[in-house]
PDB file of N, CA and C in Angstrom:
ATOM      1  N   MET A   1       0.892  -1.210  -0.025  1.00  0.00           N
ATOM      2  CA  MET A   1       0.161  -0.056   0.058  1.00  0.00           C
ATOM      3  C   MET A   1       0.960   1.180  -0.057  1.00  0.00           C
ATOM      4  N   ASN A   2       0.808   2.163  -0.963  1.00  0.00           N
ATOM      5  CA  ASN A   2       1.487   3.212  -1.046  1.00  0.00           C
ATOM      6  C   ASN A   2       1.129   4.320   0.077  1.00  0.00           C
ATOM      7  N   LYS A   3       2.014   5.349   0.357  1.00  0.00           N
ATOM      8  CA  LYS A   3       1.800   6.271   1.266  1.00  0.00           C
ATOM      9  C   LYS A   3       0.521   6.977   1.151  1.00  0.00           C
ATOM     10  N   GLN A   4      -0.115   7.474  -0.049  1.00  0.00           N
ATOM     11  CA  GLN A   4      -1.194   8.105   0.106  1.00  0.00           C
ATOM     12  C   GLN A   4      -2.506   7.356   0.578  1.00  0.00           C
ATOM     13  N   TRP A   5      -2.525   6.019   0.185  1.00  0.00           N
ATOM     14  CA  TRP A   5      -3.683   5.104   0.775  1.00  0.00           C
ATOM     15  C   TRP A   5      -3.399   5.033   2.229  1.00  0.00           C
ATOM     16  N   PHE A   6      -2.304   5.070   2.551  1.00  0.00           N
ATOM     17  CA  PHE A   6      -2.055   4.813   4.178  1.00  0.00           C
ATOM     18  C   PHE A   6      -2.663   6.095   4.777  1.00  0.00           C
ATOM     19  N   TYR A   7      -2.377   7.257   4.005  1.00  0.00           N
ATOM     20  CA  TYR A   7      -3.018   8.549   4.688  1.00  0.00           C
ATOM     21  C   TYR A   7      -4.561   8.549   4.784  1.00  0.00           C
ATOM     22  N   VAL A   8      -5.187   7.913   3.605  1.00  0.00           N
ATOM     23  CA  VAL A   8      -6.600   7.673   3.563  1.00  0.00           C
ATOM     24  C   VAL A   8      -7.184   6.863   4.868  1.00  0.00           C
ATOM     25  N   VAL A   9      -6.292   5.750   5.028  1.00  0.00           N
ATOM     26  CA  VAL A   9      -6.709   4.993   6.077  1.00  0.00           C
ATOM     27  C   VAL A   9      -6.517   5.403   7.472  1.00  0.00           C
ATOM     28  N   ILE A  10      -5.358   6.097   7.693  1.00  0.00           N
ATOM     29  CA  ILE A  10      -5.300   7.029   9.063  1.00  0.00           C
ATOM     30  C   ILE A  10      -6.323   8.100   9.191  1.00  0.00           C
ATOM     31  N   ALA A  11      -6.658   8.837   8.135  1.00  0.00           N
ATOM     32  CA  ALA A  11      -7.653   9.804   8.195  1.00  0.00           C
ATOM     33  C   ALA A  11      -9.025   9.231   8.561  1.00  0.00           C
ATOM     34  N   SER A  12      -9.275   8.037   8.008  1.00  0.00           N
ATOM     35  CA  SER A  12     -10.550   7.336   8.350  1.00  0.00           C
ATOM     36  C   SER A  12     -10.602   6.933   9.789  1.00  0.00           C
ATOM     37  N   ILE A  13      -9.533   6.485  10.265  1.00  0.00           N
ATOM     38  CA  ILE A  13      -9.421   6.050  11.693  1.00  0.00           C
ATOM     39  C   ILE A  13      -9.825   7.291  12.616  1.00  0.00           C
ATOM     40  N   PHE A  14      -9.060   8.426  12.316  1.00  0.00           N
ATOM     41  CA  PHE A  14      -9.251   9.725  13.003  1.00  0.00           C
ATOM     42  C   PHE A  14     -10.785  10.312  12.991  1.00  0.00           C
ATOM     43  N   GLU A  15     -11.397   9.950  11.698  1.00  0.00           N
ATOM     44  CA  GLU A  15     -12.678  10.421  11.563  1.00  0.00           C
ATOM     45  C   GLU A  15     -13.674   9.528  12.414  1.00  0.00           C
ATOM     46  N   VAL A  16     -13.299   8.422  12.595  1.00  0.00           N
ATOM     47  CA  VAL A  16     -14.235   7.608  13.428  1.00  0.00           C
ATOM     48  C   VAL A  16     -14.260   8.148  14.901  1.00  0.00           C
ATOM     49  N   TYR A  17     -12.863   8.473  15.388  1.00  0.00           N
ATOM     50  CA  TYR A  17     -12.835   9.082  16.756  1.00  0.00           C
ATOM     51  C   TYR A  17     -13.586  10.335  16.769  1.00  0.00           C
ATOM     52  N   TRP A  18     -13.443  11.310  15.718  1.00  0.00           N
ATOM     53  CA  TRP A  18     -14.081  12.472  16.043  1.00  0.00           C
ATOM     54  C   TRP A  18     -15.485  12.616  15.783  1.00  0.00           C
ATOM     55  N   VAL A  19     -16.103  11.567  14.854  1.00  0.00           N
ATOM     56  CA  VAL A  19     -17.638  11.503  14.756  1.00  0.00           C
ATOM     57  C   VAL A  19     -18.101  11.108  16.157  1.00  0.00           C
ATOM     58  N   ALA A  20     -17.306  10.099  16.860  1.00  0.00           N
ATOM     59  CA  ALA A  20     -17.988   9.605  18.086  1.00  0.00           C
ATOM     60  C   ALA A  20     -17.633  10.945  19.107  1.00  0.00           C
ATOM     61  N   GLY A  21     -16.641  11.439  18.997  1.00  0.00           N
ATOM     62  CA  GLY A  21     -16.427  12.594  20.002  1.00  0.00           C
ATOM     63  C   GLY A  21     -17.450  13.765  19.825  1.00  0.00           C
ATOM     64  N   LEU A  22     -17.933  14.140  18.588  1.00  0.00           N
ATOM     65  CA  LEU A  22     -19.048  15.079  18.572  1.00  0.00           C
ATOM     66  C   LEU A  22     -20.294  14.596  19.299  1.00  0.00           C
ATOM     67  N   LYS A  23     -20.417  13.340  19.514  1.00  0.00           N
ATOM     68  CA  LYS A  23     -21.665  12.901  20.011  1.00  0.00           C
ATOM     69  C   LYS A  23     -21.533  12.666  21.662  1.00  0.00           C
ATOM     70  N   TYR A  24     -20.201  12.110  22.068  1.00  0.00           N
ATOM     71  CA  TYR A  24     -19.968  11.692  23.437  1.00  0.00           C
ATOM     72  C   TYR A  24     -19.037  12.629  24.266  1.00  0.00           C
ATOM     73  N   SER A  25     -18.442  13.570  23.570  1.00  0.00           N
ATOM     74  CA  SER A  25     -17.422  14.199  24.473  1.00  0.00           C
ATOM     75  C   SER A  25     -18.290  15.119  25.402  1.00  0.00           C
ATOM     76  N   GLU A  26     -17.672  15.026  26.569  1.00  0.00           N
ATOM     77  CA  GLU A  26     -18.350  15.814  27.735  1.00  0.00           C
ATOM     78  C   GLU A  26     -17.259  16.855  28.302  1.00  0.00           C
ATOM     79  N   SER A  27     -15.842  16.600  28.522  1.00  0.00           N
ATOM     80  CA  SER A  27     -15.068  17.346  29.200  1.00  0.00           C
ATOM     81  C   SER A  27     -14.129  18.094  28.078  1.00  0.00           C
ATOM     82  N   VAL A  28     -13.372  19.032  28.781  1.00  0.00           N
ATOM     83  CA  VAL A  28     -12.587  19.851  27.751  1.00  0.00           C
ATOM     84  C   VAL A  28     -11.550  19.035  27.203  1.00  0.00           C
ATOM     85  N   LEU A  29     -11.075  18.051  27.935  1.00  0.00           N
ATOM     86  CA  LEU A  29      -9.915  17.141  27.163  1.00  0.00           C
ATOM     87  C   LEU A  29     -10.642  16.320  26.091  1.00  0.00           C
ATOM     88  N   GLU A  30     -11.790  15.882  26.276  1.00  0.00           N
ATOM     89  CA  GLU A  30     -12.471  14.880  25.042  1.00  0.00           C
ATOM     90  C   GLU A  30     -12.739  15.894  23.972  1.00  0.00           C
ATOM     91  N   TRP A  31     -13.101  17.048  24.377  1.00  0.00           N
ATOM     92  CA  TRP A  31     -13.345  17.997  23.086  1.00  0.00           C
ATOM     93  C   TRP A  31     -12.088  18.549  22.392  1.00  0.00           C
ATOM     94  N   SER A  32     -11.069  18.741  23.262  1.00  0.00           N
ATOM     95  CA  SER A  32      -9.884  18.943  22.726  1.00  0.00           C
ATOM     96  C   SER A  32      -9.252  17.820  21.771  1.00  0.00           C
ATOM     97  N   LEU A  33      -9.449  16.516  22.069  1.00  0.00           N
ATOM     98  CA  LEU A  33      -8.953  15.497  21.417  1.00  0.00           C
ATOM     99  C   LEU A  33      -9.844  15.336  20.141  1.00  0.00           C
ATOM    100  N   THR A  34     -11.189  15.665  20.289  1.00  0.00           N
ATOM    101  CA  THR A  34     -11.980  15.467  19.083  1.00  0.00           C
ATOM    102  C   THR A  34     -11.586  16.675  17.884  1.00  0.00           C
ATOM    103  N   ILE A  35     -11.255  17.763  18.623  1.00  0.00           N
ATOM    104  CA  ILE A  35     -10.839  18.813  17.512  1.00  0.00           C
ATOM    105  C   ILE A  35      -9.443  18.474  16.893  1.00  0.00           C
ATOM    106  N   ILE A  36      -8.667  18.005  17.651  1.00  0.00           N
ATOM    107  CA  ILE A  36      -7.268  17.440  17.058  1.00  0.00           C
ATOM    108  C   ILE A  36      -7.540  16.291  16.080  1.00  0.00           C
ATOM    109  N   ALA A  37      -8.313  15.439  16.350  1.00  0.00           N
ATOM    110  CA  ALA A  37      -8.718  14.270  15.271  1.00  0.00           C
ATOM    111  C   ALA A  37      -9.237  14.921  14.104  1.00  0.00           C
ATOM    112  N   ILE A  38     -10.090  16.081  14.217  1.00  0.00           N
ATOM    113  CA  ILE A  38     -10.703  16.710  12.986  1.00  0.00           C
ATOM    114  C   ILE A  38      -9.448  17.281  12.083  1.00  0.00           C
ATOM    115  N   ILE A  39      -8.625  18.098  12.790  1.00  0.00           N
ATOM    116  CA  ILE A  39      -7.472  18.739  12.275  1.00  0.00           C
ATOM    117  C   ILE A  39      -6.502  17.677  11.707  1.00  0.00           C
ATOM    118  N   VAL A  40      -6.401  16.571  12.052  1.00  0.00           N
ATOM    119  CA  VAL A  40      -5.580  15.573  11.466  1.00  0.00           C
ATOM    120  C   VAL A  40      -6.247  14.876  10.232  1.00  0.00           C
ATOM    121  N   THR A  41      -7.350  14.564  10.498  1.00  0.00           N
ATOM    122  CA  THR A  41      -8.232  14.073   9.332  1.00  0.00           C
ATOM    123  C   THR A  41      -8.038  14.951   8.129  1.00  0.00           C
ATOM    124  N   PHE A  42      -8.263  16.322   8.368  1.00  0.00           N
ATOM    125  CA  PHE A  42      -8.291  17.302   7.070  1.00  0.00           C
ATOM    126  C   PHE A  42      -6.963  17.764   6.808  1.00  0.00           C
ATOM    127  N   PHE A  43      -6.027  17.403   7.479  1.00  0.00           N
ATOM    128  CA  PHE A  43      -4.484  17.406   7.042  1.00  0.00           C
ATOM    129  C   PHE A  43      -4.107  16.421   6.147  1.00  0.00           C
ATOM    130  N   LEU A  44      -4.630  15.065   6.455  1.00  0.00           N
ATOM    131  CA  LEU A  44      -4.056  14.024   5.648  1.00  0.00           C
ATOM    132  C   LEU A  44      -4.896  13.870   4.369  1.00  0.00           C
ATOM    133  N   LEU A  45      -6.186  14.015   4.382  1.00  0.00           N
ATOM    134  CA  LEU A  45      -6.872  13.859   3.096  1.00  0.00           C
ATOM    135  C   LEU A  45      -6.399  14.576   2.004  1.00  0.00           C
ATOM    136  N   PRO A  46      -5.938  15.861   2.184  1.00  0.00           N
ATOM    137  CA  PRO A  46      -5.590  16.620   0.892  1.00  0.00           C
ATOM    138  C   PRO A  46      -4.062  15.969   0.416  1.00  0.00           C
ATOM    139  N   LEU A  47      -3.289  15.420   1.336  1.00  0.00           N
ATOM    140  CA  LEU A  47      -2.062  14.969   1.046  1.00  0.00           C
ATOM    141  C   LEU A  47      -2.233  13.698   0.189  1.00  0.00           C
ATOM    142  N   ALA A  48      -3.245  12.948   0.421  1.00  0.00           N
ATOM    143  CA  ALA A  48      -3.649  11.715  -0.291  1.00  0.00           C
ATOM    144  C   ALA A  48      -4.242  12.005  -1.748  1.00  0.00           C
ATOM    145  N   ALA A  49      -4.971  13.095  -1.612  1.00  0.00           N
ATOM    146  CA  ALA A  49      -5.685  13.546  -2.894  1.00  0.00           C
ATOM    147  C   ALA A  49      -4.684  14.193  -3.895  1.00  0.00           C
ATOM    148  N   LYS A  50      -3.436  14.494  -3.465  1.00  0.00           N
ATOM    149  CA  LYS A  50      -2.398  15.059  -4.437  1.00  0.00           C
ATOM    150  C   LYS A  50      -2.281  14.077  -5.546  1.00  0.00           C
ATOM    151  N   ASN A  51      -2.088  12.794  -5.299  1.00  0.00           N
ATOM    152  CA  ASN A  51      -1.724  11.756  -6.144  1.00  0.00           C
ATOM    153  C   ASN A  51      -2.714  10.673  -6.555  1.00  0.00           C
ATOM    154  N   LEU A  52      -3.898  10.828  -5.907  1.00  0.00           N
ATOM    155  CA  LEU A  52      -5.036   9.869  -6.208  1.00  0.00           C
ATOM    156  C   LEU A  52      -6.377  10.673  -6.603  1.00  0.00           C
ATOM    157  N   PRO A  53      -7.234   9.834  -7.418  1.00  0.00           N
ATOM    158  CA  PRO A  53      -8.241  10.545  -7.735  1.00  0.00           C
ATOM    159  C   PRO A  53      -9.138  10.844  -6.584  1.00  0.00           C
ATOM    160  N   ILE A  54      -9.590  12.188  -6.321  1.00  0.00           N
ATOM    161  CA  ILE A  54     -10.226  12.802  -5.416  1.00  0.00           C
ATOM    162  C   ILE A  54     -11.546  11.978  -5.076  1.00  0.00           C
ATOM    163  N   GLY A  55     -12.457  11.571  -6.279  1.00  0.00           N
ATOM    164  CA  GLY A  55     -13.591  11.034  -6.008  1.00  0.00           C
ATOM    165  C   GLY A  55     -13.330   9.607  -5.349  1.00  0.00           C
ATOM    166  N   THR A  56     -12.328   8.950  -5.645  1.00  0.00           N
ATOM    167  CA  THR A  56     -12.048   7.480  -5.156  1.00  0.00           C
ATOM    168  C   THR A  56     -11.541   7.781  -3.598  1.00  0.00           C
ATOM    169  N   VAL A  57     -10.763   8.708  -3.404  1.00  0.00           N
ATOM    170  CA  VAL A  57     -10.156   9.159  -1.969  1.00  0.00           C
ATOM    171  C   VAL A  57     -11.373   9.340  -1.150  1.00  0.00           C
ATOM    172  N   TYR A  58     -12.373  10.119  -1.554  1.00  0.00           N
ATOM    173  CA  TYR A  58     -13.420  10.457  -0.729  1.00  0.00           C
ATOM    174  C   TYR A  58     -14.274   9.387  -0.405  1.00  0.00           C
ATOM    175  N   ALA A  59     -14.610   8.467  -1.592  1.00  0.00           N
ATOM    176  CA  ALA A  59     -15.414   7.356  -1.295  1.00  0.00           C
ATOM    177  C   ALA A  59     -14.910   6.337  -0.368  1.00  0.00           C
ATOM    178  N   VAL A  60     -13.492   6.163  -0.418  1.00  0.00           N
ATOM    179  CA  VAL A  60     -12.835   5.064   0.517  1.00  0.00           C
ATOM    180  C   VAL A  60     -12.753   5.648   1.871  1.00  0.00           C
ATOM    181  N   PHE A  61     -12.553   7.040   1.977  1.00  0.00           N
ATOM    182  CA  PHE A  61     -12.392   7.692   3.216  1.00  0.00           C
ATOM    183  C   PHE A  61     -14.004   7.572   3.918  1.00  0.00           C
ATOM    184  N   ALA A  62     -14.864   7.921   3.305  1.00  0.00           N
ATOM    185  CA  ALA A  62     -16.360   7.970   3.866  1.00  0.00           C
ATOM    186  C   ALA A  62     -16.777   6.544   4.151  1.00  0.00           C
ATOM    187  N   GLY A  63     -16.335   5.648   3.261  1.00  0.00           N
ATOM    188  CA  GLY A  63     -16.830   4.257   3.456  1.00  0.00           C
ATOM    189  C   GLY A  63     -16.188   3.678   4.731  1.00  0.00           C
ATOM    190  N   LEU A  64     -14.657   3.722   4.803  1.00  0.00           N
ATOM    191  CA  LEU A  64     -14.196   3.199   6.153  1.00  0.00           C
ATOM    192  C   LEU A  64     -14.595   3.968   7.246  1.00  0.00           C
ATOM    193  N   GLY A  65     -14.858   5.276   7.255  1.00  0.00           N
ATOM    194  CA  GLY A  65     -15.291   6.059   8.435  1.00  0.00           C
ATOM    195  C   GLY A  65     -16.564   5.513   8.708  1.00  0.00           C
ATOM    196  N   THR A  66     -17.524   5.197   7.676  1.00  0.00           N
ATOM    197  CA  THR A  66     -18.872   4.789   8.273  1.00  0.00           C
ATOM    198  C   THR A  66     -18.853   3.251   8.873  1.00  0.00           C
ATOM    199  N   VAL A  67     -17.966   2.494   8.344  1.00  0.00           N
ATOM    200  CA  VAL A  67     -17.822   1.129   8.705  1.00  0.00           C
ATOM    201  C   VAL A  67     -17.305   1.263  10.229  1.00  0.00           C
ATOM    202  N   GLY A  68     -16.170   1.904  10.356  1.00  0.00           N
ATOM    203  CA  GLY A  68     -15.673   2.144  11.678  1.00  0.00           C
ATOM    204  C   GLY A  68     -16.819   2.751  12.692  1.00  0.00           C
ATOM    205  N   THR A  69     -17.425   3.803  12.211  1.00  0.00           N
ATOM    206  CA  THR A  69     -18.133   4.349  13.210  1.00  0.00           C
ATOM    207  C   THR A  69     -19.346   3.412  13.620  1.00  0.00           C
ATOM    208  N   VAL A  70     -19.920   2.707  12.705  1.00  0.00           N
ATOM    209  CA  VAL A  70     -20.984   1.819  13.091  1.00  0.00           C
ATOM    210  C   VAL A  70     -20.498   0.685  13.952  1.00  0.00           C
ATOM    211  N   LEU A  71     -19.385   0.126  13.682  1.00  0.00           N
ATOM    212  CA  LEU A  71     -18.855  -0.958  14.603  1.00  0.00           C
ATOM    213  C   LEU A  71     -18.475  -0.317  15.882  1.00  0.00           C
ATOM    214  N   VAL A  72     -17.841   0.950  16.097  1.00  0.00           N
ATOM    215  CA  VAL A  72     -17.641   1.520  17.299  1.00  0.00           C
ATOM    216  C   VAL A  72     -18.935   1.665  18.155  1.00  0.00           C
ATOM    217  N   GLU A  73     -20.069   2.137  17.444  1.00  0.00           N
ATOM    218  CA  GLU A  73     -21.221   2.337  18.071  1.00  0.00           C
ATOM    219  C   GLU A  73     -21.647   1.017  18.710  1.00  0.00           C
ATOM    220  N   ILE A  74     -21.611  -0.117  17.815  1.00  0.00           N
ATOM    221  CA  ILE A  74     -21.920  -1.359  18.428  1.00  0.00           C
ATOM    222  C   ILE A  74     -21.227  -1.974  19.584  1.00  0.00           C
ATOM    223  N   VAL A  75     -19.859  -1.893  19.397  1.00  0.00           N
ATOM    224  CA  VAL A  75     -18.898  -2.454  20.249  1.00  0.00           C
ATOM    225  C   VAL A  75     -18.721  -1.672  21.634  1.00  0.00           C
ATOM    226  N   VAL A  76     -18.644  -0.449  21.499  1.00  0.00           N
ATOM    227  CA  VAL A  76     -18.106   0.449  22.460  1.00  0.00           C
ATOM    228  C   VAL A  76     -19.460   1.067  23.118  1.00  0.00           C
ATOM    229  N   TYR A  77     -20.375   1.477  22.465  1.00  0.00           N
ATOM    230  CA  TYR A  77     -21.551   2.110  22.969  1.00  0.00           C
ATOM    231  C   TYR A  77     -22.891   1.476  23.048  1.00  0.00           C
ATOM    232  N   GLY A  78     -22.894   0.159  22.615  1.00  0.00           N
ATOM    233  CA  GLY A  78     -24.031  -0.721  22.857  1.00  0.00           C
ATOM    234  C   GLY A  78     -25.145  -0.511  22.024  1.00  0.00           C
ATOM    235  N   GLU A  79     -24.926  -0.083  20.713  1.00  0.00           N
ATOM    236  CA  GLU A  79     -25.938   0.063  19.722  1.00  0.00           C
ATOM    237  C   GLU A  79     -26.338  -1.303  19.407  1.00  0.00           C
ATOM    238  N   PRO A  80     -27.643  -1.483  19.322  1.00  0.00           N
ATOM    239  CA  PRO A  80     -28.120  -3.043  19.032  1.00  0.00           C
ATOM    240  C   PRO A  80     -27.487  -3.367  17.630  1.00  0.00           C
ATOM    241  N   PHE A  81     -27.221  -4.913  17.660  1.00  0.00           N
ATOM    242  CA  PHE A  81     -26.773  -5.391  16.549  1.00  0.00           C
ATOM    243  C   PHE A  81     -27.779  -5.943  15.522  1.00  0.00           C
ATOM    244  N   GLN A  82     -27.677  -5.561  14.533  1.00  0.00           N
ATOM    245  CA  GLN A  82     -28.800  -5.791  13.523  1.00  0.00           C
ATOM    246  C   GLN A  82     -28.123  -6.355  12.276  1.00  0.00           C
ATOM    247  N   PRO A  83     -28.567  -7.666  11.823  1.00  0.00           N
ATOM    248  CA  PRO A  83     -27.927  -8.318  10.701  1.00  0.00           C
ATOM    249  C   PRO A  83     -27.937  -7.670   9.417  1.00  0.00           C
ATOM    250  N   LEU A  84     -29.085  -6.817   9.278  1.00  0.00           N
ATOM    251  CA  LEU A  84     -29.277  -6.254   7.965  1.00  0.00           C
ATOM    252  C   LEU A  84     -28.207  -4.982   8.077  1.00  0.00           C
ATOM    253  N   LYS A  85     -27.991  -4.559   8.987  1.00  0.00           N
ATOM    254  CA  LYS A  85     -26.954  -3.397   8.980  1.00  0.00           C
ATOM    255  C   LYS A  85     -25.631  -4.018   8.789  1.00  0.00           C
ATOM    256  N   ILE A  86     -25.290  -5.066   9.337  1.00  0.00           N
ATOM    257  CA  ILE A  86     -23.995  -5.615   8.956  1.00  0.00           C
ATOM    258  C   ILE A  86     -23.847  -5.894   7.431  1.00  0.00           C
ATOM    259  N   LEU A  87     -25.002  -6.612   6.869  1.00  0.00           N
ATOM    260  CA  LEU A  87     -24.971  -6.895   5.580  1.00  0.00           C
ATOM    261  C   LEU A  87     -24.828  -5.667   4.602  1.00  0.00           C
ATOM    262  N   LEU A  88     -25.360  -4.504   5.097  1.00  0.00           N
ATOM    263  CA  LEU A  88     -25.073  -3.290   4.190  1.00  0.00           C
ATOM    264  C   LEU A  88     -23.775  -2.841   4.312  1.00  0.00           C
ATOM    265  N   ILE A  89     -23.222  -3.017   5.542  1.00  0.00           N
ATOM    266  CA  ILE A  89     -21.634  -2.506   5.853  1.00  0.00           C
ATOM    267  C   ILE A  89     -20.791  -3.412   4.980  1.00  0.00           C
ATOM    268  N   VAL A  90     -21.021  -4.737   4.825  1.00  0.00           N
ATOM    269  CA  VAL A  90     -20.193  -5.590   4.003  1.00  0.00           C
ATOM    270  C   VAL A  90     -20.325  -5.211   2.551  1.00  0.00           C
ATOM    271  N   THR A  91     -21.662  -4.773   2.090  1.00  0.00           N
ATOM    272  CA  THR A  91     -21.860  -4.280   0.682  1.00  0.00           C
ATOM    273  C   THR A  91     -20.878  -3.009   0.475  1.00  0.00           C
ATOM    274  N   LEU A  92     -21.080  -2.213   1.514  1.00  0.00           N
ATOM    275  CA  LEU A  92     -20.306  -0.908   1.286  1.00  0.00           C
ATOM    276  C   LEU A  92     -18.744  -1.285   1.294  1.00  0.00           C
ATOM    277  N   LEU A  93     -18.357  -1.956   2.136  1.00  0.00           N
ATOM    278  CA  LEU A  93     -16.985  -2.543   2.015  1.00  0.00           C
ATOM    279  C   LEU A  93     -16.614  -3.036   0.653  1.00  0.00           C
ATOM    280  N   ILE A  94     -17.433  -3.891   0.055  1.00  0.00           N
ATOM    281  CA  ILE A  94     -17.140  -4.462  -1.188  1.00  0.00           C
ATOM    282  C   ILE A  94     -16.834  -3.378  -2.212  1.00  0.00           C
ATOM    283  N   GLY A  95     -17.899  -2.389  -2.197  1.00  0.00           N
ATOM    284  CA  GLY A  95     -17.696  -1.173  -3.111  1.00  0.00           C
ATOM    285  C   GLY A  95     -16.375  -0.420  -2.755  1.00  0.00           C
ATOM    286  N   VAL A  96     -16.054  -0.147  -1.651  1.00  0.00           N
ATOM    287  CA  VAL A  96     -14.736   0.626  -1.366  1.00  0.00           C
ATOM    288  C   VAL A  96     -13.550  -0.097  -1.822  1.00  0.00           C
ATOM    289  N   ILE A  97     -13.615  -1.603  -1.522  1.00  0.00           N
ATOM    290  CA  ILE A  97     -12.322  -2.358  -1.824  1.00  0.00           C
ATOM    291  C   ILE A  97     -12.301  -2.117  -3.578  1.00  0.00           C
ATOM    292  N   GLY A  98     -13.486  -2.374  -4.093  1.00  0.00           N
ATOM    293  CA  GLY A  98     -13.480  -2.367  -5.611  1.00  0.00           C
ATOM    294  C   GLY A  98     -13.068  -1.075  -6.199  1.00  0.00           C
ATOM    295  N   LEU A  99     -13.370   0.006  -5.545  1.00  0.00           N
ATOM    296  CA  LEU A  99     -12.871   1.480  -5.818  1.00  0.00           C
ATOM    297  C   LEU A  99     -11.401   1.462  -5.687  1.00  0.00           C
ATOM    298  N   LYS A 100     -10.756   0.814  -4.704  1.00  0.00           N
ATOM    299  CA  LYS A 100      -9.393   1.024  -4.408  1.00  0.00           C
ATOM    300  C   LYS A 100      -8.804   0.207  -5.552  1.00  0.00           C
ATOM    301  N   LEU A 101      -9.286  -0.924  -5.742  1.00  0.00           N
ATOM    302  CA  LEU A 101      -8.495  -1.815  -6.777  1.00  0.00           C
ATOM    303  C   LEU A 101      -8.679  -1.247  -8.065  1.00  0.00           C
ATOM    304  N   VAL A 102      -9.722  -0.666  -8.543  1.00  0.00           N
ATOM    305  CA  VAL A 102      -9.676  -0.063  -9.873  1.00  0.00           C
ATOM    306  C   VAL A 102      -8.890   1.192  -9.946  1.00  0.00           C
ATOM    307  N   SER A 103      -8.908   2.022  -8.874  1.00  0.00           N
ATOM    308  CA  SER A 103      -8.111   3.100  -8.963  1.00  0.00           C
ATOM    309  C   SER A 103      -6.525   2.742  -9.131  1.00  0.00           C
ATOM    310  N   SER A 104      -6.232   1.725  -8.208  1.00  0.00           N
ATOM    311  CA  SER A 104      -4.775   1.267  -8.301  1.00  0.00           C
ATOM    312  C   SER A 104      -4.372   0.813  -9.603  1.00  0.00           C
ATOM    313  N   GLU A 105      -5.367   0.227 -10.437  1.00  0.00           N
ATOM    314  CA  GLU A 105      -4.835  -0.334 -11.770  1.00  0.00           C
ATOM    315  C   GLU A 105      -4.891   0.953 -12.741  1.00  0.00           C
ATOM    316  N   SER A 106      -5.771   1.896 -12.441  1.00  0.00           N
ATOM    317  CA  SER A 106      -5.630   3.168 -13.344  1.00  0.00           C
ATOM    318  C   SER A 106      -4.411   4.118 -13.033  1.00  0.00           C
ATOM    319  N   SER A 107      -3.962   4.109 -11.967  1.00  0.00           N
ATOM    320  CA  SER A 107      -2.723   4.813 -11.567  1.00  0.00           C
ATOM    321  C   SER A 107      -1.630   4.232 -11.994  1.00  0.00           C
ATOM    322  N   GLU A 108      -1.530   2.723 -11.856  1.00  0.00           N
ATOM    323  CA  GLU A 108      -0.337   2.118 -12.402  1.00  0.00           C
ATOM    324  C   GLU A 108      -0.307   2.066 -14.099  1.00  0.00           C
ATOM    325  N   SER A 109      -1.370   2.220 -14.609  1.00  0.00           N
ATOM    326  CA  SER A 109      -1.288   2.340 -16.048  1.00  0.00           C
ATOM    327  C   SER A 109      -0.997   3.617 -16.541  1.00  0.00           C
ATOM    328  N   LYS A 110      -1.054   4.684 -15.709  1.00  0.00           N
ATOM    329  CA  LYS A 110      -0.739   6.010 -16.185  1.00  0.00           C
ATOM    330  C   LYS A 110       0.713   6.245 -15.552  1.00  0.00           C
ATOM    331  N   GLY A 111       1.350   5.308 -14.843  1.00  0.00           N
ATOM    332  CA  GLY A 111       2.765   5.553 -14.393  1.00  0.00           C
ATOM    333  C   GLY A 111       2.761   6.416 -13.040  1.00  0.00           C
ATOM    334  N   VAL A 112       1.743   6.491 -12.471  1.00  0.00           N
ATOM    335  CA  VAL A 112       1.689   7.269 -11.130  1.00  0.00           C
ATOM    336  C   VAL A 112       1.741   6.242 -10.015  1.00  0.00           C
ATOM    337  N   ALA A 113       2.648   6.524  -9.035  1.00  0.00           N
ATOM    338  CA  ALA A 113       3.123   5.546  -8.106  1.00  0.00           C
ATOM    339  C   ALA A 113       1.944   5.611  -6.994  1.00  0.00           C
TER     340      ALA A 113
END
């Protein structure tokens, strides 16, 4: 995985934190960490988009962030487990992985690393 895709994955992880932080932060420290996570996310995404297709970057970022947020809600915050929700998440992940694979093939054929 090249550096730009690594930035997208890390930005998605930080997105999961700040989305949960917007809902559950109560102390100044929690709000500060949420703001830092937002800043890190929006610092890394433009770095990734310099050499990757922006539509694909955003789709992968949003997809991974959505999957992570739903899983954190279920595991950490006790959101009810719903099989249909998991099926839809798996469908989303298949689409995200497909976009990443197609994007990699397009970038390699153009000589972009």
